[in-house]
Amino acid sequence: RLTTVHQPLRRMAEEATRLLLRMRGGEEPATTRIDLAPTLVVRES
C-alpha cells in the first residue's frame, strides 16, 4: 500500500463549484486563486 501525498481533489471540486455558484449569484470573488493544503498519508511503501 502506497505512502503518498493526498491531493484533495474532491474538496477542490466542491470549492470550485461553490465559487461558481457565488459568481452566478453576482458575487465578485475576493481572490481569484485558492490553493488547498495537501497532507501526507503514510502506508507501507
All heavy atoms as atom14 arrays in JSON, in Angstrom:
{
  "sequence": "RLTTVHQPLRRMAEEATRLLLRMRGGEEPATTRIDLAPTLVVRES",
  "atom14_mask": [
    [1, 1, 1, 1, 1, 1, 1, 1, 1, 1, 1, 0, 0, 0],
    [1, 1, 1, 1, 1, 1, 1, 1, 0, 0, 0, 0, 0, 0],
    [1, 1, 1, 1, 1, 1, 1, 0, 0, 0, 0, 0, 0, 0],
    [1, 1, 1, 1, 1, 1, 1, 0, 0, 0, 0, 0, 0, 0],
    [1, 1, 1, 1, 1, 1, 1, 0, 0, 0, 0, 0, 0, 0],
    [1, 1, 1, 1, 1, 1, 1, 1, 1, 1, 0, 0, 0, 0],
    [1, 1, 1, 1, 1, 1, 1, 1, 1, 0, 0, 0, 0, 0],
    [1, 1, 1, 1, 1, 1, 1, 0, 0, 0, 0, 0, 0, 0],
    [1, 1, 1, 1, 1, 1, 1, 1, 0, 0, 0, 0, 0, 0],
    [1, 1, 1, 1, 1, 1, 1, 1, 1, 1, 1, 0, 0, 0],
    [1, 1, 1, 1, 1, 1, 1, 1, 1, 1, 1, 0, 0, 0],
    [1, 1, 1, 1, 1, 1, 1, 1, 0, 0, 0, 0, 0, 0],
    [1, 1, 1, 1, 1, 0, 0, 0, 0, 0, 0, 0, 0, 0],
    [1, 1, 1, 1, 1, 1, 1, 1, 1, 0, 0, 0, 0, 0],
    [1, 1, 1, 1, 1, 1, 1, 1, 1, 0, 0, 0, 0, 0],
    [1, 1, 1, 1, 1, 0, 0, 0, 0, 0, 0, 0, 0, 0],
    [1, 1, 1, 1, 1, 1, 1, 0, 0, 0, 0, 0, 0, 0],
    [1, 1, 1, 1, 1, 1, 1, 1, 1, 1, 1, 0, 0, 0],
    [1, 1, 1, 1, 1, 1, 1, 1, 0, 0, 0, 0, 0, 0],
    [1, 1, 1, 1, 1, 1, 1, 1, 0, 0, 0, 0, 0, 0],
    [1, 1, 1, 1, 1, 1, 1, 1, 0, 0, 0, 0, 0, 0],
    [1, 1, 1, 1, 1, 1, 1, 1, 1, 1, 1, 0, 0, 0],
    [1, 1, 1, 1, 1, 1, 1, 1, 0, 0, 0, 0, 0, 0],
    [1, 1, 1, 1, 1, 1, 1, 1, 1, 1, 1, 0, 0, 0],
    [1, 1, 1, 1, 0, 0, 0, 0, 0, 0, 0, 0, 0, 0],
    [1, 1, 1, 1, 0, 0, 0, 0, 0, 0, 0, 0, 0, 0],
    [1, 1, 1, 1, 1, 1, 1, 1, 1, 0, 0, 0, 0, 0],
    [1, 1, 1, 1, 1, 1, 1, 1, 1, 0, 0, 0, 0, 0],
    [1, 1, 1, 1, 1, 1, 1, 0, 0, 0, 0, 0, 0, 0],
    [1, 1, 1, 1, 1, 0, 0, 0, 0, 0, 0, 0, 0, 0],
    [1, 1, 1, 1, 1, 1, 1, 0, 0, 0, 0, 0, 0, 0],
    [1, 1, 1, 1, 1, 1, 1, 0, 0, 0, 0, 0, 0, 0],
    [1, 1, 1, 1, 1, 1, 1, 1, 1, 1, 1, 0, 0, 0],
    [1, 1, 1, 1, 1, 1, 1, 1, 0, 0, 0, 0, 0, 0],
    [1, 1, 1, 1, 1, 1, 1, 1, 0, 0, 0, 0, 0, 0],
    [1, 1, 1, 1, 1, 1, 1, 1, 0, 0, 0, 0, 0, 0],
    [1, 1, 1, 1, 1, 0, 0, 0, 0, 0, 0, 0, 0, 0],
    [1, 1, 1, 1, 1, 1, 1, 0, 0, 0, 0, 0, 0, 0],
    [1, 1, 1, 1, 1, 1, 1, 0, 0, 0, 0, 0, 0, 0],
    [1, 1, 1, 1, 1, 1, 1, 1, 0, 0, 0, 0, 0, 0],
    [1, 1, 1, 1, 1, 1, 1, 0, 0, 0, 0, 0, 0, 0],
    [1, 1, 1, 1, 1, 1, 1, 0, 0, 0, 0, 0, 0, 0],
    [1, 1, 1, 1, 1, 1, 1, 1, 1, 1, 1, 0, 0, 0],
    [1, 1, 1, 1, 1, 1, 1, 1, 1, 0, 0, 0, 0, 0],
    [1, 1, 1, 1, 1, 1, 0, 0, 0, 0, 0, 0, 0, 0]
  ],
  "atom14_positions": [
    [[0.86, -1.19, 0.0], [0.0, 0.0, 0.0], [0.89, 1.24, 0.0], [1.87, 1.32, 0.73], [-0.93, -0.02, 1.22], [-1.91, -1.17, 1.19], [-2.95, -1.08, 2.29], [-2.36, -0.85, 3.59], [-2.74, 0.11, 4.43], [-3.7, 0.94, 4.1], [-2.14, 0.23, 5.6], [0.0, 0.0, 0.0], [0.0, 0.0, 0.0], [0.0, 0.0, 0.0]],
    [[0.52, 2.21, -0.82], [1.44, 3.29, -1.16], [1.38, 4.46, -0.18], [0.31, 5.02, 0.09], [1.1, 3.8, -2.57], [2.13, 4.69, -3.28], [3.42, 3.91, -3.51], [1.55, 5.15, -4.61], [0.0, 0.0, 0.0], [0.0, 0.0, 0.0], [0.0, 0.0, 0.0], [0.0, 0.0, 0.0], [0.0, 0.0, 0.0], [0.0, 0.0, 0.0]],
    [[2.55, 4.82, 0.35], [2.67, 6.1, 1.05], [2.6, 7.2, 0.0], [3.27, 7.14, -1.03], [4.01, 6.18, 1.8], [4.03, 5.19, 2.83], [4.22, 7.55, 2.41], [0.0, 0.0, 0.0], [0.0, 0.0, 0.0], [0.0, 0.0, 0.0], [0.0, 0.0, 0.0], [0.0, 0.0, 0.0], [0.0, 0.0, 0.0], [0.0, 0.0, 0.0]],
    [[1.8, 8.24, 0.26], [1.56, 9.23, -0.78], [1.15, 10.57, -0.19], [0.84, 10.67, 1.0], [0.47, 8.72, -1.75], [0.33, 9.61, -2.85], [-0.87, 8.59, -1.04], [0.0, 0.0, 0.0], [0.0, 0.0, 0.0], [0.0, 0.0, 0.0], [0.0, 0.0, 0.0], [0.0, 0.0, 0.0], [0.0, 0.0, 0.0], [0.0, 0.0, 0.0]],
    [[1.16, 11.57, -1.04], [0.67, 12.9, -0.66], [-0.77, 13.0, -1.16], [-1.03, 12.86, -2.36], [1.54, 14.01, -1.27], [0.95, 15.38, -0.94], [2.97, 13.91, -0.76], [0.0, 0.0, 0.0], [0.0, 0.0, 0.0], [0.0, 0.0, 0.0], [0.0, 0.0, 0.0], [0.0, 0.0, 0.0], [0.0, 0.0, 0.0], [0.0, 0.0, 0.0]],
    [[-1.67, 13.23, -0.24], [-3.09, 13.32, -0.59], [-3.4, 14.69, -1.17], [-3.24, 15.71, -0.5], [-3.95, 13.07, 0.64], [-5.43, 13.27, 0.4], [-6.2, 12.37, -0.28], [-6.26, 14.3, 0.72], [-7.44, 12.8, -0.35], [-7.51, 13.98, 0.24], [0.0, 0.0, 0.0], [0.0, 0.0, 0.0], [0.0, 0.0, 0.0], [0.0, 0.0, 0.0]],
    [[-3.81, 14.7, -2.43], [-4.28, 15.94, -3.05], [-5.8, 15.97, -2.94], [-6.47, 15.07, -3.45], [-3.85, 16.0, -4.52], [-4.23, 17.29, -5.19], [-3.52, 17.49, -6.53], [-3.14, 18.6, -6.83], [-3.36, 16.45, -7.31], [0.0, 0.0, 0.0], [0.0, 0.0, 0.0], [0.0, 0.0, 0.0], [0.0, 0.0, 0.0], [0.0, 0.0, 0.0]],
    [[-6.37, 16.99, -2.31], [-7.81, 16.98, -2.0], [-8.68, 17.28, -3.23], [-9.33, 18.32, -3.32], [-7.94, 18.07, -0.94], [-6.85, 19.04, -1.27], [-5.7, 18.2, -1.79], [0.0, 0.0, 0.0], [0.0, 0.0, 0.0], [0.0, 0.0, 0.0], [0.0, 0.0, 0.0], [0.0, 0.0, 0.0], [0.0, 0.0, 0.0], [0.0, 0.0, 0.0]],
    [[-8.7, 16.35, -4.18], [-9.39, 16.59, -5.45], [-10.89, 16.85, -5.25], [-11.45, 17.76, -5.87], [-9.19, 15.4, -6.38], [-7.78, 15.24, -6.95], [-7.65, 13.91, -7.66], [-7.45, 16.38, -7.9], [0.0, 0.0, 0.0], [0.0, 0.0, 0.0], [0.0, 0.0, 0.0], [0.0, 0.0, 0.0], [0.0, 0.0, 0.0], [0.0, 0.0, 0.0]],
    [[-11.53, 16.04, -4.42], [-12.97, 16.23, -4.24], [-13.26, 17.58, -3.59], [-14.17, 18.28, -4.0], [-13.57, 15.11, -3.39], [-15.09, 15.24, -3.25], [-15.68, 14.11, -2.43], [-15.54, 12.86, -3.13], [-16.49, 11.92, -3.19], [-17.65, 12.14, -2.62], [-16.28, 10.79, -3.82], [0.0, 0.0, 0.0], [0.0, 0.0, 0.0], [0.0, 0.0, 0.0]],
    [[-12.48, 17.92, -2.58], [-12.7, 19.22, -1.93], [-12.41, 20.36, -2.89], [-13.08, 21.39, -2.88], [-11.81, 19.34, -0.69], [-12.17, 20.58, 0.13], [-11.37, 20.69, 1.4], [-11.42, 22.06, 1.9], [-10.4, 22.67, 2.46], [-9.24, 22.07, 2.59], [-10.53, 23.91, 2.89], [0.0, 0.0, 0.0], [0.0, 0.0, 0.0], [0.0, 0.0, 0.0]],
    [[-11.39, 20.19, -3.74], [-11.1, 21.21, -4.75], [-12.32, 21.4, -5.66], [-12.7, 22.53, -6.0], [-9.87, 20.8, -5.57], [-8.57, 20.9, -4.81], [-7.2, 19.97, -5.59], [-7.05, 20.87, -7.13], [0.0, 0.0, 0.0], [0.0, 0.0, 0.0], [0.0, 0.0, 0.0], [0.0, 0.0, 0.0], [0.0, 0.0, 0.0], [0.0, 0.0, 0.0]],
    [[-12.92, 20.28, -6.08], [-14.1, 20.35, -6.94], [-15.27, 21.01, -6.22], [-16.02, 21.8, -6.81], [-14.48, 18.95, -7.41], [0.0, 0.0, 0.0], [0.0, 0.0, 0.0], [0.0, 0.0, 0.0], [0.0, 0.0, 0.0], [0.0, 0.0, 0.0], [0.0, 0.0, 0.0], [0.0, 0.0, 0.0], [0.0, 0.0, 0.0], [0.0, 0.0, 0.0]],
    [[-15.43, 20.69, -4.95], [-16.52, 21.3, -4.18], [-16.32, 22.81, -4.06], [-17.28, 23.59, -4.25], [-16.57, 20.66, -2.78], [-17.0, 19.2, -2.79], [-16.83, 18.53, -1.44], [-16.17, 19.13, -0.55], [-17.33, 17.41, -1.27], [0.0, 0.0, 0.0], [0.0, 0.0, 0.0], [0.0, 0.0, 0.0], [0.0, 0.0, 0.0], [0.0, 0.0, 0.0]],
    [[-15.09, 23.22, -3.74], [-14.83, 24.65, -3.6], [-14.97, 25.38, -4.93], [-15.46, 26.52, -4.98], [-13.42, 24.87, -3.03], [-13.24, 24.41, -1.59], [-14.16, 25.15, -0.63], [-14.44, 26.34, -0.86], [-14.6, 24.53, 0.35], [0.0, 0.0, 0.0], [0.0, 0.0, 0.0], [0.0, 0.0, 0.0], [0.0, 0.0, 0.0], [0.0, 0.0, 0.0]],
    [[-14.56, 24.74, -6.02], [-14.74, 25.35, -7.34], [-16.2, 25.57, -7.65], [-16.6, 26.61, -8.2], [-14.09, 24.47, -8.41], [0.0, 0.0, 0.0], [0.0, 0.0, 0.0], [0.0, 0.0, 0.0], [0.0, 0.0, 0.0], [0.0, 0.0, 0.0], [0.0, 0.0, 0.0], [0.0, 0.0, 0.0], [0.0, 0.0, 0.0], [0.0, 0.0, 0.0]],
    [[-17.04, 24.6, -7.29], [-18.47, 24.71, -7.58], [-19.12, 25.77, -6.7], [-19.99, 26.54, -7.16], [-19.16, 23.35, -7.37], [-18.42, 22.34, -8.07], [-20.58, 23.37, -7.9], [0.0, 0.0, 0.0], [0.0, 0.0, 0.0], [0.0, 0.0, 0.0], [0.0, 0.0, 0.0], [0.0, 0.0, 0.0], [0.0, 0.0, 0.0], [0.0, 0.0, 0.0]],
    [[-18.73, 25.83, -5.44], [-19.29, 26.87, -4.56], [-18.92, 28.26, -5.06], [-19.75, 29.18, -5.06], [-18.76, 26.67, -3.13], [-19.3, 25.41, -2.44], [-18.91, 25.37, -0.97], [-19.36, 24.14, -0.36], [-18.56, 23.1, -0.1], [-17.27, 23.19, -0.37], [-19.04, 22.0, 0.45], [0.0, 0.0, 0.0], [0.0, 0.0, 0.0], [0.0, 0.0, 0.0]],
    [[-17.66, 28.42, -5.49], [-17.23, 29.7, -6.03], [-18.03, 30.04, -7.28], [-18.47, 31.19, -7.46], [-15.73, 29.65, -6.36], [-15.12, 30.88, -7.05], [-15.33, 32.13, -6.2], [-13.64, 30.65, -7.34], [0.0, 0.0, 0.0], [0.0, 0.0, 0.0], [0.0, 0.0, 0.0], [0.0, 0.0, 0.0], [0.0, 0.0, 0.0], [0.0, 0.0, 0.0]],
    [[-18.25, 29.06, -8.13], [-19.02, 29.27, -9.35], [-20.43, 29.74, -9.04], [-20.95, 30.69, -9.66], [-19.06, 27.97, -10.15], [-19.7, 28.04, -11.54], [-18.77, 28.71, -12.52], [-20.05, 26.64, -12.03], [0.0, 0.0, 0.0], [0.0, 0.0, 0.0], [0.0, 0.0, 0.0], [0.0, 0.0, 0.0], [0.0, 0.0, 0.0], [0.0, 0.0, 0.0]],
    [[-21.07, 29.11, -8.06], [-22.44, 29.47, -7.72], [-22.51, 30.87, -7.11], [-23.48, 31.61, -7.33], [-23.03, 28.43, -6.76], [-23.28, 27.05, -7.38], [-23.71, 26.06, -6.3], [-24.35, 27.13, -8.48], [0.0, 0.0, 0.0], [0.0, 0.0, 0.0], [0.0, 0.0, 0.0], [0.0, 0.0, 0.0], [0.0, 0.0, 0.0], [0.0, 0.0, 0.0]],
    [[-21.48, 31.24, -6.34], [-21.46, 32.61, -5.81], [-21.32, 33.62, -6.94], [-21.97, 34.68, -6.93], [-20.32, 32.77, -4.79], [-20.5, 31.97, -3.51], [-19.6, 32.47, -2.4], [-18.18, 32.32, -2.73], [-17.46, 31.25, -2.46], [-18.03, 30.2, -1.87], [-16.17, 31.21, -2.77], [0.0, 0.0, 0.0], [0.0, 0.0, 0.0], [0.0, 0.0, 0.0]],
    [[-20.46, 33.3, -7.9], [-20.31, 34.19, -9.05], [-21.6, 34.26, -9.84], [-21.99, 35.32, -10.34], [-19.15, 33.69, -9.93], [-17.78, 33.8, -9.26], [-16.5, 32.88, -10.14], [-16.49, 33.71, -11.73], [0.0, 0.0, 0.0], [0.0, 0.0, 0.0], [0.0, 0.0, 0.0], [0.0, 0.0, 0.0], [0.0, 0.0, 0.0], [0.0, 0.0, 0.0]],
    [[-22.28, 33.13, -9.97], [-23.58, 33.09, -10.66], [-24.59, 34.01, -9.97], [-25.43, 34.64, -10.61], [-24.09, 31.65, -10.69], [-25.54, 31.47, -11.08], [-25.8, 31.86, -12.5], [-27.17, 31.58, -12.87], [-27.79, 32.12, -13.91], [-27.15, 32.98, -14.67], [-29.03, 31.82, -14.19], [0.0, 0.0, 0.0], [0.0, 0.0, 0.0], [0.0, 0.0, 0.0]],
    [[-24.47, 34.12, -8.66], [-25.36, 34.98, -7.9], [-24.95, 36.44, -7.92], [-25.57, 37.26, -7.24], [0.0, 0.0, 0.0], [0.0, 0.0, 0.0], [0.0, 0.0, 0.0], [0.0, 0.0, 0.0], [0.0, 0.0, 0.0], [0.0, 0.0, 0.0], [0.0, 0.0, 0.0], [0.0, 0.0, 0.0], [0.0, 0.0, 0.0], [0.0, 0.0, 0.0]],
    [[-23.88, 36.76, -8.65], [-23.47, 38.16, -8.78], [-22.33, 38.57, -7.88], [-21.91, 39.73, -7.9], [0.0, 0.0, 0.0], [0.0, 0.0, 0.0], [0.0, 0.0, 0.0], [0.0, 0.0, 0.0], [0.0, 0.0, 0.0], [0.0, 0.0, 0.0], [0.0, 0.0, 0.0], [0.0, 0.0, 0.0], [0.0, 0.0, 0.0], [0.0, 0.0, 0.0]],
    [[-21.8, 37.64, -7.09], [-20.72, 37.98, -6.17], [-19.39, 38.03, -6.91], [-19.06, 37.14, -7.7], [-20.65, 36.94, -5.05], [-19.54, 37.18, -4.04], [-19.5, 36.12, -2.96], [-20.58, 35.63, -2.57], [-18.39, 35.79, -2.5], [0.0, 0.0, 0.0], [0.0, 0.0, 0.0], [0.0, 0.0, 0.0], [0.0, 0.0, 0.0], [0.0, 0.0, 0.0]],
    [[-18.6, 39.05, -6.65], [-17.24, 39.13, -7.18], [-16.31, 38.4, -6.22], [-16.3, 38.7, -5.02], [-16.81, 40.6, -7.32], [-17.5, 41.35, -8.43], [-17.1, 40.85, -9.8], [-15.96, 40.37, -9.94], [-17.92, 40.93, -10.73], [0.0, 0.0, 0.0], [0.0, 0.0, 0.0], [0.0, 0.0, 0.0], [0.0, 0.0, 0.0], [0.0, 0.0, 0.0]],
    [[-15.53, 37.43, -6.7], [-14.65, 36.68, -5.79], [-13.62, 37.58, -5.14], [-13.02, 38.45, -5.79], [-14.0, 35.64, -6.69], [-14.12, 36.18, -8.09], [-15.38, 36.99, -8.1], [0.0, 0.0, 0.0], [0.0, 0.0, 0.0], [0.0, 0.0, 0.0], [0.0, 0.0, 0.0], [0.0, 0.0, 0.0], [0.0, 0.0, 0.0], [0.0, 0.0, 0.0]],
    [[-13.4, 37.38, -3.83], [-12.41, 38.18, -3.1], [-11.0, 37.88, -3.58], [-10.14, 38.74, -3.57], [-12.52, 37.9, -1.6], [0.0, 0.0, 0.0], [0.0, 0.0, 0.0], [0.0, 0.0, 0.0], [0.0, 0.0, 0.0], [0.0, 0.0, 0.0], [0.0, 0.0, 0.0], [0.0, 0.0, 0.0], [0.0, 0.0, 0.0], [0.0, 0.0, 0.0]],
    [[-10.78, 36.65, -4.02], [-9.49, 36.27, -4.59], [-9.75, 35.36, -5.77], [-10.74, 34.63, -5.79], [-8.61, 35.55, -3.54], [-7.37, 35.17, -4.15], [-9.29, 34.3, -3.02], [0.0, 0.0, 0.0], [0.0, 0.0, 0.0], [0.0, 0.0, 0.0], [0.0, 0.0, 0.0], [0.0, 0.0, 0.0], [0.0, 0.0, 0.0], [0.0, 0.0, 0.0]],
    [[-8.88, 35.41, -6.77], [-9.09, 34.6, -7.96], [-8.38, 33.25, -7.87], [-8.55, 32.4, -8.73], [-8.58, 35.33, -9.22], [-7.2, 35.65, -9.05], [-9.39, 36.58, -9.47], [0.0, 0.0, 0.0], [0.0, 0.0, 0.0], [0.0, 0.0, 0.0], [0.0, 0.0, 0.0], [0.0, 0.0, 0.0], [0.0, 0.0, 0.0], [0.0, 0.0, 0.0]],
    [[-7.58, 33.04, -6.81], [-6.83, 31.79, -6.71], [-6.87, 31.29, -5.28], [-6.53, 32.01, -4.34], [-5.38, 32.0, -7.13], [-4.48, 30.79, -6.97], [-4.76, 29.72, -7.99], [-3.92, 28.55, -7.8], [-3.87, 27.53, -8.64], [-4.59, 27.54, -9.74], [-3.1, 26.49, -8.4], [0.0, 0.0, 0.0], [0.0, 0.0, 0.0], [0.0, 0.0, 0.0]],
    [[-7.29, 30.03, -5.09], [-7.3, 29.39, -3.79], [-6.54, 28.08, -3.91], [-6.85, 27.23, -4.75], [-8.74, 29.1, -3.31], [-9.54, 30.4, -3.2], [-8.72, 28.37, -1.97], [-11.02, 30.18, -2.91], [0.0, 0.0, 0.0], [0.0, 0.0, 0.0], [0.0, 0.0, 0.0], [0.0, 0.0, 0.0], [0.0, 0.0, 0.0], [0.0, 0.0, 0.0]],
    [[-5.49, 27.9, -3.08], [-4.72, 26.66, -3.05], [-5.02, 25.92, -1.75], [-4.81, 26.47, -0.66], [-3.22, 26.95, -3.15], [-2.79, 27.28, -4.58], [-3.36, 26.69, -5.5], [-1.9, 28.13, -4.75], [0.0, 0.0, 0.0], [0.0, 0.0, 0.0], [0.0, 0.0, 0.0], [0.0, 0.0, 0.0], [0.0, 0.0, 0.0], [0.0, 0.0, 0.0]],
    [[-5.47, 24.68, -1.87], [-5.77, 23.87, -0.7], [-4.53, 23.08, -0.3], [-3.72, 22.68, -1.13], [-6.93, 22.92, -1.01], [-8.22, 23.6, -1.47], [-9.31, 22.57, -1.7], [-8.68, 24.65, -0.46], [0.0, 0.0, 0.0], [0.0, 0.0, 0.0], [0.0, 0.0, 0.0], [0.0, 0.0, 0.0], [0.0, 0.0, 0.0], [0.0, 0.0, 0.0]],
    [[-4.41, 22.82, 1.0], [-3.21, 22.16, 1.52], [-3.27, 20.65, 1.32], [-4.3, 20.02, 1.62], [-3.05, 22.47, 3.0], [0.0, 0.0, 0.0], [0.0, 0.0, 0.0], [0.0, 0.0, 0.0], [0.0, 0.0, 0.0], [0.0, 0.0, 0.0], [0.0, 0.0, 0.0], [0.0, 0.0, 0.0], [0.0, 0.0, 0.0], [0.0, 0.0, 0.0]],
    [[-2.18, 20.04, 0.83], [-2.12, 18.58, 0.76], [-1.72, 18.0, 2.12], [-1.28, 18.73, 3.02], [-1.01, 18.34, -0.27], [-0.09, 19.5, -0.08], [-0.96, 20.67, 0.3], [0.0, 0.0, 0.0], [0.0, 0.0, 0.0], [0.0, 0.0, 0.0], [0.0, 0.0, 0.0], [0.0, 0.0, 0.0], [0.0, 0.0, 0.0], [0.0, 0.0, 0.0]],
    [[-1.87, 16.69, 2.27], [-1.48, 16.02, 3.51], [-0.73, 14.73, 3.16], [-0.95, 14.14, 2.1], [-2.71, 15.67, 4.38], [-3.65, 14.92, 3.6], [-3.38, 16.93, 4.91], [0.0, 0.0, 0.0], [0.0, 0.0, 0.0], [0.0, 0.0, 0.0], [0.0, 0.0, 0.0], [0.0, 0.0, 0.0], [0.0, 0.0, 0.0], [0.0, 0.0, 0.0]],
    [[0.12, 14.3, 4.05], [0.88, 13.07, 3.85], [0.1, 11.89, 4.41], [-0.41, 11.94, 5.53], [2.24, 13.17, 4.54], [3.15, 11.95, 4.39], [3.67, 11.84, 2.96], [4.31, 12.03, 5.39], [0.0, 0.0, 0.0], [0.0, 0.0, 0.0], [0.0, 0.0, 0.0], [0.0, 0.0, 0.0], [0.0, 0.0, 0.0], [0.0, 0.0, 0.0]],
    [[0.0, 10.82, 3.63], [-0.64, 9.58, 4.07], [0.43, 8.49, 4.09], [0.93, 8.08, 3.05], [-1.79, 9.18, 3.11], [-2.45, 7.9, 3.59], [-2.81, 10.3, 3.0], [0.0, 0.0, 0.0], [0.0, 0.0, 0.0], [0.0, 0.0, 0.0], [0.0, 0.0, 0.0], [0.0, 0.0, 0.0], [0.0, 0.0, 0.0], [0.0, 0.0, 0.0]],
    [[0.78, 8.04, 5.29], [1.85, 7.05, 5.44], [1.24, 5.65, 5.43], [0.37, 5.34, 6.23], [2.65, 7.28, 6.74], [3.74, 6.23, 6.89], [3.26, 8.68, 6.75], [0.0, 0.0, 0.0], [0.0, 0.0, 0.0], [0.0, 0.0, 0.0], [0.0, 0.0, 0.0], [0.0, 0.0, 0.0], [0.0, 0.0, 0.0], [0.0, 0.0, 0.0]],
    [[1.75, 4.81, 4.5], [1.27, 3.42, 4.43], [2.49, 2.48, 4.49], [3.28, 2.58, 5.42], [0.41, 3.23, 3.17], [-0.87, 4.07, 3.19], [-1.83, 3.63, 2.08], [-3.08, 4.4, 2.11], [-3.38, 5.37, 1.24], [-2.51, 5.7, 0.28], [-4.52, 6.03, 1.33], [0.0, 0.0, 0.0], [0.0, 0.0, 0.0], [0.0, 0.0, 0.0]],
    [[2.63, 1.6, 3.49], [3.6, 0.51, 3.61], [4.8, 0.62, 2.68], [5.7, -0.23, 2.75], [2.9, -0.83, 3.35], [1.78, -1.13, 4.32], [0.9, -2.29, 3.86], [1.08, -2.74, 2.7], [0.06, -2.76, 4.64], [0.0, 0.0, 0.0], [0.0, 0.0, 0.0], [0.0, 0.0, 0.0], [0.0, 0.0, 0.0], [0.0, 0.0, 0.0]],
    [[4.86, 1.62, 1.81], [5.94, 1.67, 0.8], [7.16, 2.45, 1.25], [8.09, 2.63, 0.48], [5.4, 2.25, -0.51], [5.04, 3.61, -0.35], [0.0, 0.0, 0.0], [0.0, 0.0, 0.0], [0.0, 0.0, 0.0], [0.0, 0.0, 0.0], [0.0, 0.0, 0.0], [0.0, 0.0, 0.0], [0.0, 0.0, 0.0], [0.0, 0.0, 0.0]]
  ]
}
